[in-house]
Amino acid sequence: MRTPMNKSLLLASLIAAAALTACGKKEEPAPAPAPVVVAPAPMADAASAVNAAASSAADAASSAATAVDAAASAAAGAAAAAASK
């Protein structure tokens, strides 16, 4: 249940918030940092880095697939053991 006192308290707090916002100190935006210039890597180095990353990703995917298969086998064994009890 709202009373006139609650409405006037709300109105007073809104006016106070607006006054504080209007009278607040305006901060100037910080200057943008200078852009960093990076020399591009030679194409041969970039290509070998991409090949190494792709090889590592393939190895990781293979390892993950092996781990998933092992976990599935362990879960199936545990389910079979629980069902036989």
Protein backbone atom coordinates (compact mmCIF):
# COMPACT_ATOMS: atom_id res chain seq x y z
CA MET A 1 0.00 0.00 0.00
CA ARG A 2 1.47 3.34 -1.01
CA THR A 3 0.90 6.43 0.95
CA PRO A 4 1.43 10.05 -0.07
CA MET A 5 4.48 10.13 2.18
CA ASN A 6 6.14 7.32 0.18
CA LYS A 7 5.43 9.16 -3.07
CA SER A 8 6.89 12.41 -1.76
CA LEU A 9 9.95 10.55 -0.45
CA LEU A 10 10.43 8.97 -3.86
CA LEU A 11 10.01 12.34 -5.58
CA ALA A 12 12.52 13.98 -3.22
CA SER A 13 15.09 11.23 -3.82
CA LEU A 14 14.67 11.54 -7.59
CA ILE A 15 15.17 15.31 -7.43
CA ALA A 16 18.26 14.83 -5.24
CA ALA A 17 19.69 12.26 -7.66
CA ALA A 18 19.08 14.57 -10.61
CA ALA A 19 20.72 17.48 -8.78
CA LEU A 20 23.78 15.43 -7.91
CA THR A 21 24.08 14.23 -11.47
CA ALA A 22 23.72 17.73 -12.92
CA CYS A 23 26.23 19.28 -10.53
CA GLY A 24 28.76 16.46 -10.71
CA LYS A 25 32.27 16.96 -12.02
CA LYS A 26 32.56 16.03 -15.67
CA GLU A 27 35.57 13.89 -16.39
CA GLU A 28 37.38 14.36 -19.64
CA PRO A 29 38.01 11.15 -21.58
CA ALA A 30 41.55 9.82 -21.36
CA PRO A 31 43.61 10.32 -24.50
CA ALA A 32 43.81 7.27 -26.72
CA PRO A 33 47.09 5.35 -26.42
CA ALA A 34 49.46 5.52 -29.35
CA PRO A 35 49.07 2.58 -31.74
CA VAL A 36 51.74 -0.09 -31.50
CA VAL A 37 53.37 -0.96 -34.79
CA VAL A 38 54.36 -4.62 -35.09
CA ALA A 39 56.48 -5.81 -37.97
CA PRO A 40 54.76 -8.64 -39.86
CA ALA A 41 56.40 -12.05 -39.63
CA PRO A 42 57.79 -13.55 -42.83
CA MET A 43 55.38 -15.89 -44.58
CA ALA A 44 57.55 -18.99 -44.09
CA ASP A 45 57.62 -18.49 -40.33
CA ALA A 46 53.86 -17.90 -40.21
CA ALA A 47 53.16 -21.00 -42.31
CA SER A 48 55.32 -23.21 -40.11
CA ALA A 49 53.63 -21.83 -37.00
CA VAL A 50 50.21 -22.62 -38.49
CA ASN A 51 51.31 -26.14 -39.40
CA ALA A 52 52.65 -26.73 -35.89
CA ALA A 53 49.43 -25.44 -34.33
CA ALA A 54 47.31 -27.65 -36.59
CA SER A 55 49.41 -30.68 -35.74
CA SER A 56 49.09 -29.96 -32.01
CA ALA A 57 45.34 -29.55 -32.35
CA ALA A 58 45.02 -32.84 -34.19
CA ASP A 59 47.08 -34.61 -31.52
CA ALA A 60 44.94 -33.10 -28.78
CA ALA A 61 41.73 -34.15 -30.55
CA SER A 62 43.03 -37.69 -30.93
CA SER A 63 43.95 -37.83 -27.24
CA ALA A 64 40.55 -36.49 -26.28
CA ALA A 65 38.78 -39.10 -28.42
CA THR A 66 40.82 -41.85 -26.76
CA ALA A 67 39.92 -40.51 -23.32
CA VAL A 68 36.22 -40.35 -24.24
CA ASP A 69 36.29 -43.93 -25.49
CA ALA A 70 37.97 -45.09 -22.27
CA ALA A 71 35.43 -43.22 -20.14
CA ALA A 72 32.54 -44.69 -22.12
CA SER A 73 33.93 -48.19 -21.70
CA ALA A 74 34.39 -47.65 -17.96
CA ALA A 75 30.83 -46.31 -17.64
CA ALA A 76 29.43 -49.27 -19.58
CA GLY A 77 31.37 -51.68 -17.35
CA ALA A 78 30.13 -49.96 -14.21
CA ALA A 79 26.54 -50.05 -15.49
CA ALA A 80 26.83 -53.74 -16.32
CA ALA A 81 28.28 -54.47 -12.89
CA ALA A 82 25.50 -52.53 -11.19
CA ALA A 83 22.84 -54.29 -13.26
CA SER A 84 24.18 -57.75 -12.41
CA LYS A 85 23.86 -57.16 -8.65
